[in-house]
mmCIF file of all heavy atoms, coordinates in Angstrom:
data_MODEL
# 
_entry.id   MODEL 
# 
loop_
_atom_site.group_PDB 
_atom_site.id 
_atom_site.type_symbol 
_atom_site.label_atom_id 
_atom_site.label_alt_id 
_atom_site.label_comp_id 
_atom_site.label_asym_id 
_atom_site.label_entity_id 
_atom_site.label_seq_id 
_atom_site.pdbx_PDB_ins_code 
_atom_site.Cartn_x 
_atom_site.Cartn_y 
_atom_site.Cartn_z 
_atom_site.occupancy 
_atom_site.B_iso_or_equiv 
_atom_site.pdbx_formal_charge 
_atom_site.auth_seq_id 
_atom_site.auth_comp_id 
_atom_site.auth_asym_id 
_atom_site.auth_atom_id 
_atom_site.pdbx_PDB_model_num 
ATOM 1   N N   . LYS A 1 1  ? -16.095 5.905  -28.392 1.00 0.00 ? 1  LYS A N   1 
ATOM 2   C CA  . LYS A 1 1  ? -16.900 5.717  -27.179 1.00 0.00 ? 1  LYS A CA  1 
ATOM 3   C C   . LYS A 1 1  ? -18.385 5.736  -27.515 1.00 0.00 ? 1  LYS A C   1 
ATOM 4   O O   . LYS A 1 1  ? -19.156 4.894  -27.039 1.00 0.00 ? 1  LYS A O   1 
ATOM 5   C CB  . LYS A 1 1  ? -16.561 6.800  -26.150 1.00 0.00 ? 1  LYS A CB  1 
ATOM 6   C CG  . LYS A 1 1  ? -17.252 6.610  -24.830 1.00 0.00 ? 1  LYS A CG  1 
ATOM 7   C CD  . LYS A 1 1  ? -16.743 5.341  -24.154 1.00 0.00 ? 1  LYS A CD  1 
ATOM 8   C CE  . LYS A 1 1  ? -17.260 5.219  -22.754 1.00 0.00 ? 1  LYS A CE  1 
ATOM 9   N NZ  . LYS A 1 1  ? -16.655 4.098  -22.040 1.00 0.00 ? 1  LYS A NZ  1 
ATOM 10  N N   . GLY A 1 2  ? -18.796 6.702  -28.333 1.00 0.00 ? 2  GLY A N   1 
ATOM 11  C CA  . GLY A 1 2  ? -20.198 6.801  -28.721 1.00 0.00 ? 2  GLY A CA  1 
ATOM 12  C C   . GLY A 1 2  ? -20.671 5.563  -29.463 1.00 0.00 ? 2  GLY A C   1 
ATOM 13  O O   . GLY A 1 2  ? -21.771 5.050  -29.198 1.00 0.00 ? 2  GLY A O   1 
ATOM 14  N N   . THR A 1 3  ? -19.853 5.063  -30.358 1.00 0.00 ? 3  THR A N   1 
ATOM 15  C CA  . THR A 1 3  ? -20.202 3.861  -31.117 1.00 0.00 ? 3  THR A CA  1 
ATOM 16  C C   . THR A 1 3  ? -20.376 2.678  -30.179 1.00 0.00 ? 3  THR A C   1 
ATOM 17  O O   . THR A 1 3  ? -21.324 1.897  -30.319 1.00 0.00 ? 3  THR A O   1 
ATOM 18  C CB  . THR A 1 3  ? -19.117 3.558  -32.173 1.00 0.00 ? 3  THR A CB  1 
ATOM 19  O OG1 . THR A 1 3  ? -19.017 4.678  -33.053 1.00 0.00 ? 3  THR A OG1 1 
ATOM 20  C CG2 . THR A 1 3  ? -19.451 2.321  -32.980 1.00 0.00 ? 3  THR A CG2 1 
ATOM 21  N N   . ALA A 1 4  ? -19.496 2.555  -29.209 1.00 0.00 ? 4  ALA A N   1 
ATOM 22  C CA  . ALA A 1 4  ? -19.601 1.458  -28.238 1.00 0.00 ? 4  ALA A CA  1 
ATOM 23  C C   . ALA A 1 4  ? -20.881 1.580  -27.414 1.00 0.00 ? 4  ALA A C   1 
ATOM 24  O O   . ALA A 1 4  ? -21.577 0.583  -27.193 1.00 0.00 ? 4  ALA A O   1 
ATOM 25  C CB  . ALA A 1 4  ? -18.371 1.447  -27.328 1.00 0.00 ? 4  ALA A CB  1 
ATOM 26  N N   . ILE A 1 5  ? -21.195 2.780  -26.971 1.00 0.00 ? 5  ILE A N   1 
ATOM 27  C CA  . ILE A 1 5  ? -22.401 2.991  -26.160 1.00 0.00 ? 5  ILE A CA  1 
ATOM 28  C C   . ILE A 1 5  ? -23.658 2.662  -26.962 1.00 0.00 ? 5  ILE A C   1 
ATOM 29  O O   . ILE A 1 5  ? -24.619 2.105  -26.436 1.00 0.00 ? 5  ILE A O   1 
ATOM 30  C CB  . ILE A 1 5  ? -22.442 4.435  -25.631 1.00 0.00 ? 5  ILE A CB  1 
ATOM 31  C CG1 . ILE A 1 5  ? -21.405 4.594  -24.515 1.00 0.00 ? 5  ILE A CG1 1 
ATOM 32  C CG2 . ILE A 1 5  ? -23.826 4.823  -25.128 1.00 0.00 ? 5  ILE A CG2 1 
ATOM 33  C CD1 . ILE A 1 5  ? -21.192 6.005  -24.058 1.00 0.00 ? 5  ILE A CD1 1 
ATOM 34  N N   . LEU A 1 6  ? -23.624 2.991  -28.241 1.00 0.00 ? 6  LEU A N   1 
ATOM 35  C CA  . LEU A 1 6  ? -24.779 2.744  -29.105 1.00 0.00 ? 6  LEU A CA  1 
ATOM 36  C C   . LEU A 1 6  ? -24.939 1.266  -29.480 1.00 0.00 ? 6  LEU A C   1 
ATOM 37  O O   . LEU A 1 6  ? -25.978 0.870  -29.984 1.00 0.00 ? 6  LEU A O   1 
ATOM 38  C CB  . LEU A 1 6  ? -24.678 3.595  -30.375 1.00 0.00 ? 6  LEU A CB  1 
ATOM 39  C CG  . LEU A 1 6  ? -24.894 5.090  -30.158 1.00 0.00 ? 6  LEU A CG  1 
ATOM 40  C CD1 . LEU A 1 6  ? -24.327 5.896  -31.314 1.00 0.00 ? 6  LEU A CD1 1 
ATOM 41  C CD2 . LEU A 1 6  ? -26.370 5.386  -29.962 1.00 0.00 ? 6  LEU A CD2 1 
ATOM 42  N N   . GLY A 1 7  ? -23.904 0.477  -29.239 1.00 0.00 ? 7  GLY A N   1 
ATOM 43  C CA  . GLY A 1 7  ? -23.984 -0.949 -29.537 1.00 0.00 ? 7  GLY A CA  1 
ATOM 44  C C   . GLY A 1 7  ? -23.276 -1.363 -30.815 1.00 0.00 ? 7  GLY A C   1 
ATOM 45  O O   . GLY A 1 7  ? -23.498 -2.453 -31.330 1.00 0.00 ? 7  GLY A O   1 
ATOM 46  N N   . GLY A 1 8  ? -22.426 -0.498 -31.345 1.00 0.00 ? 8  GLY A N   1 
ATOM 47  C CA  . GLY A 1 8  ? -21.662 -0.830 -32.543 1.00 0.00 ? 8  GLY A CA  1 
ATOM 48  C C   . GLY A 1 8  ? -22.262 -0.208 -33.796 1.00 0.00 ? 8  GLY A C   1 
ATOM 49  O O   . GLY A 1 8  ? -23.391 0.281  -33.796 1.00 0.00 ? 8  GLY A O   1 
ATOM 50  N N   . TYR A 1 9  ? -21.488 -0.275 -34.872 1.00 0.00 ? 9  TYR A N   1 
ATOM 51  C CA  . TYR A 1 9  ? -21.878 0.359  -36.129 1.00 0.00 ? 9  TYR A CA  1 
ATOM 52  C C   . TYR A 1 9  ? -23.172 -0.200 -36.722 1.00 0.00 ? 9  TYR A C   1 
ATOM 53  O O   . TYR A 1 9  ? -23.903 0.507  -37.384 1.00 0.00 ? 9  TYR A O   1 
ATOM 54  C CB  . TYR A 1 9  ? -20.772 0.214  -37.176 1.00 0.00 ? 9  TYR A CB  1 
ATOM 55  C CG  . TYR A 1 9  ? -19.581 1.093  -36.917 1.00 0.00 ? 9  TYR A CG  1 
ATOM 56  C CD1 . TYR A 1 9  ? -18.355 0.545  -36.557 1.00 0.00 ? 9  TYR A CD1 1 
ATOM 57  C CD2 . TYR A 1 9  ? -19.672 2.475  -37.026 1.00 0.00 ? 9  TYR A CD2 1 
ATOM 58  C CE1 . TYR A 1 9  ? -17.259 1.353  -36.320 1.00 0.00 ? 9  TYR A CE1 1 
ATOM 59  C CE2 . TYR A 1 9  ? -18.579 3.287  -36.788 1.00 0.00 ? 9  TYR A CE2 1 
ATOM 60  C CZ  . TYR A 1 9  ? -17.376 2.720  -36.436 1.00 0.00 ? 9  TYR A CZ  1 
ATOM 61  O OH  . TYR A 1 9  ? -16.296 3.519  -36.191 1.00 0.00 ? 9  TYR A OH  1 
ATOM 62  N N   . HIS A 1 10 ? -23.414 -1.450 -36.516 1.00 0.00 ? 10 HIS A N   1 
ATOM 63  C CA  . HIS A 1 10 ? -24.562 -2.082 -37.162 1.00 0.00 ? 10 HIS A CA  1 
ATOM 64  C C   . HIS A 1 10 ? -25.789 -2.156 -36.259 1.00 0.00 ? 10 HIS A C   1 
ATOM 65  O O   . HIS A 1 10 ? -26.787 -2.754 -36.628 1.00 0.00 ? 10 HIS A O   1 
ATOM 66  C CB  . HIS A 1 10 ? -24.174 -3.473 -37.665 1.00 0.00 ? 10 HIS A CB  1 
ATOM 67  C CG  . HIS A 1 10 ? -23.035 -3.422 -38.638 1.00 0.00 ? 10 HIS A CG  1 
ATOM 68  N ND1 . HIS A 1 10 ? -23.145 -2.851 -39.883 1.00 0.00 ? 10 HIS A ND1 1 
ATOM 69  C CD2 . HIS A 1 10 ? -21.745 -3.830 -38.530 1.00 0.00 ? 10 HIS A CD2 1 
ATOM 70  C CE1 . HIS A 1 10 ? -21.986 -2.922 -40.505 1.00 0.00 ? 10 HIS A CE1 1 
ATOM 71  N NE2 . HIS A 1 10 ? -21.113 -3.508 -39.709 1.00 0.00 ? 10 HIS A NE2 1 
ATOM 72  N N   . SER A 1 11 ? -25.727 -1.538 -35.100 1.00 0.00 ? 11 SER A N   1 
ATOM 73  C CA  . SER A 1 11 ? -26.870 -1.589 -34.175 1.00 0.00 ? 11 SER A CA  1 
ATOM 74  C C   . SER A 1 11 ? -27.970 -0.635 -34.642 1.00 0.00 ? 11 SER A C   1 
ATOM 75  O O   . SER A 1 11 ? -27.703 0.374  -35.302 1.00 0.00 ? 11 SER A O   1 
ATOM 76  C CB  . SER A 1 11 ? -26.424 -1.205 -32.765 1.00 0.00 ? 11 SER A CB  1 
ATOM 77  O OG  . SER A 1 11 ? -26.107 0.174  -32.713 1.00 0.00 ? 11 SER A OG  1 
ATOM 78  N N   . PRO A 1 12 ? -29.210 -0.954 -34.303 1.00 0.00 ? 12 PRO A N   1 
ATOM 79  C CA  . PRO A 1 12 ? -30.316 -0.048 -34.644 1.00 0.00 ? 12 PRO A CA  1 
ATOM 80  C C   . PRO A 1 12 ? -30.134 1.349  -34.038 1.00 0.00 ? 12 PRO A C   1 
ATOM 81  O O   . PRO A 1 12 ? -30.448 2.347  -34.684 1.00 0.00 ? 12 PRO A O   1 
ATOM 82  C CB  . PRO A 1 12 ? -31.542 -0.748 -34.067 1.00 0.00 ? 12 PRO A CB  1 
ATOM 83  C CG  . PRO A 1 12 ? -31.179 -2.195 -34.029 1.00 0.00 ? 12 PRO A CG  1 
ATOM 84  C CD  . PRO A 1 12 ? -29.700 -2.216 -33.734 1.00 0.00 ? 12 PRO A CD  1 
ATOM 85  N N   . ALA A 1 13 ? -29.605 1.425  -32.821 1.00 0.00 ? 13 ALA A N   1 
ATOM 86  C CA  . ALA A 1 13 ? -29.421 2.730  -32.180 1.00 0.00 ? 13 ALA A CA  1 
ATOM 87  C C   . ALA A 1 13 ? -28.371 3.555  -32.925 1.00 0.00 ? 13 ALA A C   1 
ATOM 88  O O   . ALA A 1 13 ? -28.531 4.766  -33.090 1.00 0.00 ? 13 ALA A O   1 
ATOM 89  C CB  . ALA A 1 13 ? -29.025 2.558  -30.719 1.00 0.00 ? 13 ALA A CB  1 
ATOM 90  N N   . TYR A 1 14 ? -27.297 2.927  -33.371 1.00 0.00 ? 14 TYR A N   1 
ATOM 91  C CA  . TYR A 1 14 ? -26.276 3.653  -34.134 1.00 0.00 ? 14 TYR A CA  1 
ATOM 92  C C   . TYR A 1 14 ? -26.866 4.161  -35.440 1.00 0.00 ? 14 TYR A C   1 
ATOM 93  O O   . TYR A 1 14 ? -26.574 5.271  -35.877 1.00 0.00 ? 14 TYR A O   1 
ATOM 94  C CB  . TYR A 1 14 ? -25.061 2.767  -34.422 1.00 0.00 ? 14 TYR A CB  1 
ATOM 95  C CG  . TYR A 1 14 ? -23.988 3.506  -35.175 1.00 0.00 ? 14 TYR A CG  1 
ATOM 96  C CD1 . TYR A 1 14 ? -23.052 4.266  -34.493 1.00 0.00 ? 14 TYR A CD1 1 
ATOM 97  C CD2 . TYR A 1 14 ? -23.931 3.482  -36.573 1.00 0.00 ? 14 TYR A CD2 1 
ATOM 98  C CE1 . TYR A 1 14 ? -22.082 4.978  -35.178 1.00 0.00 ? 14 TYR A CE1 1 
ATOM 99  C CE2 . TYR A 1 14 ? -22.965 4.189  -37.259 1.00 0.00 ? 14 TYR A CE2 1 
ATOM 100 C CZ  . TYR A 1 14 ? -22.043 4.940  -36.567 1.00 0.00 ? 14 TYR A CZ  1 
ATOM 101 O OH  . TYR A 1 14 ? -21.083 5.653  -37.242 1.00 0.00 ? 14 TYR A OH  1 
ATOM 102 N N   . ASN A 1 15 ? -27.699 3.373  -36.050 1.00 0.00 ? 15 ASN A N   1 
ATOM 103 C CA  . ASN A 1 15 ? -28.295 3.755  -37.333 1.00 0.00 ? 15 ASN A CA  1 
ATOM 104 C C   . ASN A 1 15 ? -29.471 4.713  -37.181 1.00 0.00 ? 15 ASN A C   1 
ATOM 105 O O   . ASN A 1 15 ? -29.982 5.208  -38.175 1.00 0.00 ? 15 ASN A O   1 
ATOM 106 C CB  . ASN A 1 15 ? -28.702 2.506  -38.113 1.00 0.00 ? 15 ASN A CB  1 
ATOM 107 C CG  . ASN A 1 15 ? -27.472 1.767  -38.596 1.00 0.00 ? 15 ASN A CG  1 
ATOM 108 O OD1 . ASN A 1 15 ? -26.636 2.330  -39.290 1.00 0.00 ? 15 ASN A OD1 1 
ATOM 109 N ND2 . ASN A 1 15 ? -27.327 0.517  -38.196 1.00 0.00 ? 15 ASN A ND2 1 
ATOM 110 N N   . ASN A 1 16 ? -29.874 4.981  -35.939 1.00 0.00 ? 16 ASN A N   1 
ATOM 111 C CA  . ASN A 1 16 ? -30.907 5.977  -35.674 1.00 0.00 ? 16 ASN A CA  1 
ATOM 112 C C   . ASN A 1 16 ? -30.185 7.318  -35.497 1.00 0.00 ? 16 ASN A C   1 
ATOM 113 O O   . ASN A 1 16 ? -29.551 7.574  -34.469 1.00 0.00 ? 16 ASN A O   1 
ATOM 114 C CB  . ASN A 1 16 ? -31.686 5.607  -34.404 1.00 0.00 ? 16 ASN A CB  1 
ATOM 115 C CG  . ASN A 1 16 ? -32.786 6.576  -34.094 1.00 0.00 ? 16 ASN A CG  1 
ATOM 116 O OD1 . ASN A 1 16 ? -32.547 7.771  -33.975 1.00 0.00 ? 16 ASN A OD1 1 
ATOM 117 N ND2 . ASN A 1 16 ? -33.990 6.059  -33.942 1.00 0.00 ? 16 ASN A ND2 1 
ATOM 118 N N   . ARG A 1 17 ? -30.272 8.152  -36.510 1.00 0.00 ? 17 ARG A N   1 
ATOM 119 C CA  . ARG A 1 17 ? -29.502 9.398  -36.539 1.00 0.00 ? 17 ARG A CA  1 
ATOM 120 C C   . ARG A 1 17 ? -29.751 10.264 -35.309 1.00 0.00 ? 17 ARG A C   1 
ATOM 121 O O   . ARG A 1 17 ? -28.820 10.834 -34.733 1.00 0.00 ? 17 ARG A O   1 
ATOM 122 C CB  . ARG A 1 17 ? -29.833 10.161 -37.815 1.00 0.00 ? 17 ARG A CB  1 
ATOM 123 C CG  . ARG A 1 17 ? -29.010 11.400 -37.977 1.00 0.00 ? 17 ARG A CG  1 
ATOM 124 C CD  . ARG A 1 17 ? -29.307 12.090 -39.269 1.00 0.00 ? 17 ARG A CD  1 
ATOM 125 N NE  . ARG A 1 17 ? -28.449 13.263 -39.379 1.00 0.00 ? 17 ARG A NE  1 
ATOM 126 C CZ  . ARG A 1 17 ? -28.484 14.103 -40.360 1.00 0.00 ? 17 ARG A CZ  1 
ATOM 127 N NH1 . ARG A 1 17 ? -29.310 13.912 -41.356 1.00 0.00 ? 17 ARG A NH1 1 
ATOM 128 N NH2 . ARG A 1 17 ? -27.683 15.136 -40.374 1.00 0.00 ? 17 ARG A NH2 1 
ATOM 129 N N   . SER A 1 18 ? -30.990 10.373 -34.898 1.00 0.00 ? 18 SER A N   1 
ATOM 130 C CA  . SER A 1 18 ? -31.339 11.222 -33.759 1.00 0.00 ? 18 SER A CA  1 
ATOM 131 C C   . SER A 1 18 ? -30.664 10.729 -32.474 1.00 0.00 ? 18 SER A C   1 
ATOM 132 O O   . SER A 1 18 ? -30.077 11.517 -31.725 1.00 0.00 ? 18 SER A O   1 
ATOM 133 C CB  . SER A 1 18 ? -32.856 11.240 -33.576 1.00 0.00 ? 18 SER A CB  1 
ATOM 134 O OG  . SER A 1 18 ? -33.202 11.913 -32.394 1.00 0.00 ? 18 SER A OG  1 
ATOM 135 N N   . THR A 1 19 ? -30.732 9.438  -32.236 1.00 0.00 ? 19 THR A N   1 
ATOM 136 C CA  . THR A 1 19 ? -30.134 8.868  -31.026 1.00 0.00 ? 19 THR A CA  1 
ATOM 137 C C   . THR A 1 19 ? -28.613 8.989  -31.070 1.00 0.00 ? 19 THR A C   1 
ATOM 138 O O   . THR A 1 19 ? -27.973 9.359  -30.080 1.00 0.00 ? 19 THR A O   1 
ATOM 139 C CB  . THR A 1 19 ? -30.547 7.394  -30.858 1.00 0.00 ? 19 THR A CB  1 
ATOM 140 O OG1 . THR A 1 19 ? -31.970 7.328  -30.845 1.00 0.00 ? 19 THR A OG1 1 
ATOM 141 C CG2 . THR A 1 19 ? -29.987 6.798  -29.585 1.00 0.00 ? 19 THR A CG2 1 
ATOM 142 N N   . ARG A 1 20 ? -28.035 8.679  -32.218 1.00 0.00 ? 20 ARG A N   1 
ATOM 143 C CA  . ARG A 1 20 ? -26.581 8.779  -32.381 1.00 0.00 ? 20 ARG A CA  1 
ATOM 144 C C   . ARG A 1 20 ? -26.130 10.209 -32.100 1.00 0.00 ? 20 ARG A C   1 
ATOM 145 O O   . ARG A 1 20 ? -25.161 10.444 -31.371 1.00 0.00 ? 20 ARG A O   1 
ATOM 146 C CB  . ARG A 1 20 ? -26.190 8.341  -33.790 1.00 0.00 ? 20 ARG A CB  1 
ATOM 147 C CG  . ARG A 1 20 ? -24.689 8.306  -34.008 1.00 0.00 ? 20 ARG A CG  1 
ATOM 148 C CD  . ARG A 1 20 ? -24.319 7.770  -35.378 1.00 0.00 ? 20 ARG A CD  1 
ATOM 149 N NE  . ARG A 1 20 ? -24.783 8.647  -36.434 1.00 0.00 ? 20 ARG A NE  1 
ATOM 150 C CZ  . ARG A 1 20 ? -25.545 8.277  -37.453 1.00 0.00 ? 20 ARG A CZ  1 
ATOM 151 N NH1 . ARG A 1 20 ? -25.940 7.029  -37.577 1.00 0.00 ? 20 ARG A NH1 1 
ATOM 152 N NH2 . ARG A 1 20 ? -25.900 9.147  -38.369 1.00 0.00 ? 20 ARG A NH2 1 
ATOM 153 N N   . GLN A 1 21 ? -26.855 11.173 -32.627 1.00 0.00 ? 21 GLN A N   1 
ATOM 154 C CA  . GLN A 1 21 ? -26.507 12.575 -32.423 1.00 0.00 ? 21 GLN A CA  1 
ATOM 155 C C   . GLN A 1 21 ? -26.607 12.955 -30.951 1.00 0.00 ? 21 GLN A C   1 
ATOM 156 O O   . GLN A 1 21 ? -25.750 13.669 -30.425 1.00 0.00 ? 21 GLN A O   1 
ATOM 157 C CB  . GLN A 1 21 ? -27.426 13.457 -33.266 1.00 0.00 ? 21 GLN A CB  1 
ATOM 158 C CG  . GLN A 1 21 ? -27.053 14.908 -33.252 1.00 0.00 ? 21 GLN A CG  1 
ATOM 159 C CD  . GLN A 1 21 ? -27.927 15.719 -34.213 1.00 0.00 ? 21 GLN A CD  1 
ATOM 160 O OE1 . GLN A 1 21 ? -28.803 15.192 -34.882 1.00 0.00 ? 21 GLN A OE1 1 
ATOM 161 N NE2 . GLN A 1 21 ? -27.680 17.005 -34.264 1.00 0.00 ? 21 GLN A NE2 1 
ATOM 162 N N   . LYS A 1 22 ? -27.615 12.466 -30.259 1.00 0.00 ? 22 LYS A N   1 
ATOM 163 C CA  . LYS A 1 22 ? -27.768 12.759 -28.828 1.00 0.00 ? 22 LYS A CA  1 
ATOM 164 C C   . LYS A 1 22 ? -26.573 12.253 -28.029 1.00 0.00 ? 22 LYS A C   1 
ATOM 165 O O   . LYS A 1 22 ? -26.082 12.927 -27.122 1.00 0.00 ? 22 LYS A O   1 
ATOM 166 C CB  . LYS A 1 22 ? -29.047 12.129 -28.282 1.00 0.00 ? 22 LYS A CB  1 
ATOM 167 C CG  . LYS A 1 22 ? -30.314 12.802 -28.716 1.00 0.00 ? 22 LYS A CG  1 
ATOM 168 C CD  . LYS A 1 22 ? -31.513 12.049 -28.164 1.00 0.00 ? 22 LYS A CD  1 
ATOM 169 C CE  . LYS A 1 22 ? -32.814 12.531 -28.764 1.00 0.00 ? 22 LYS A CE  1 
ATOM 170 N NZ  . LYS A 1 22 ? -33.956 11.738 -28.280 1.00 0.00 ? 22 LYS A NZ  1 
ATOM 171 N N   . VAL A 1 23 ? -26.120 11.049 -28.356 1.00 0.00 ? 23 VAL A N   1 
ATOM 172 C CA  . VAL A 1 23 ? -24.978 10.466 -27.635 1.00 0.00 ? 23 VAL A CA  1 
ATOM 173 C C   . VAL A 1 23 ? -23.732 11.313 -27.846 1.00 0.00 ? 23 VAL A C   1 
ATOM 174 O O   . VAL A 1 23 ? -23.059 11.716 -26.885 1.00 0.00 ? 23 VAL A O   1 
ATOM 175 C CB  . VAL A 1 23 ? -24.729 9.007  -28.069 1.00 0.00 ? 23 VAL A CB  1 
ATOM 176 C CG1 . VAL A 1 23 ? -23.398 8.492  -27.520 1.00 0.00 ? 23 VAL A CG1 1 
ATOM 177 C CG2 . VAL A 1 23 ? -25.871 8.116  -27.606 1.00 0.00 ? 23 VAL A CG2 1 
ATOM 178 N N   . TYR A 1 24 ? -23.413 11.605 -29.098 1.00 0.00 ? 24 TYR A N   1 
ATOM 179 C CA  . TYR A 1 24 ? -22.206 12.381 -29.375 1.00 0.00 ? 24 TYR A CA  1 
ATOM 180 C C   . TYR A 1 24 ? -22.299 13.784 -28.768 1.00 0.00 ? 24 TYR A C   1 
ATOM 181 O O   . TYR A 1 24 ? -21.327 14.281 -28.201 1.00 0.00 ? 24 TYR A O   1 
ATOM 182 C CB  . TYR A 1 24 ? -21.932 12.462 -30.876 1.00 0.00 ? 24 TYR A CB  1 
ATOM 183 C CG  . TYR A 1 24 ? -21.525 11.129 -31.473 1.00 0.00 ? 24 TYR A CG  1 
ATOM 184 C CD1 . TYR A 1 24 ? -22.095 10.674 -32.644 1.00 0.00 ? 24 TYR A CD1 1 
ATOM 185 C CD2 . TYR A 1 24 ? -20.582 10.321 -30.857 1.00 0.00 ? 24 TYR A CD2 1 
ATOM 186 C CE1 . TYR A 1 24 ? -21.728 9.453  -33.194 1.00 0.00 ? 24 TYR A CE1 1 
ATOM 187 C CE2 . TYR A 1 24 ? -20.207 9.100  -31.389 1.00 0.00 ? 24 TYR A CE2 1 
ATOM 188 C CZ  . TYR A 1 24 ? -20.786 8.676  -32.562 1.00 0.00 ? 24 TYR A CZ  1 
ATOM 189 O OH  . TYR A 1 24 ? -20.417 7.478  -33.096 1.00 0.00 ? 24 TYR A OH  1 
# 
C-alpha cells in the first residue's frame, strides 16, 4: 500500500527515505 501511495518503487517519493518512512 505504501509503495502504491508513493507512486511505485522507482518514483522520486519512494526513493526519498524521509517521505517513504512517513508513509509507512
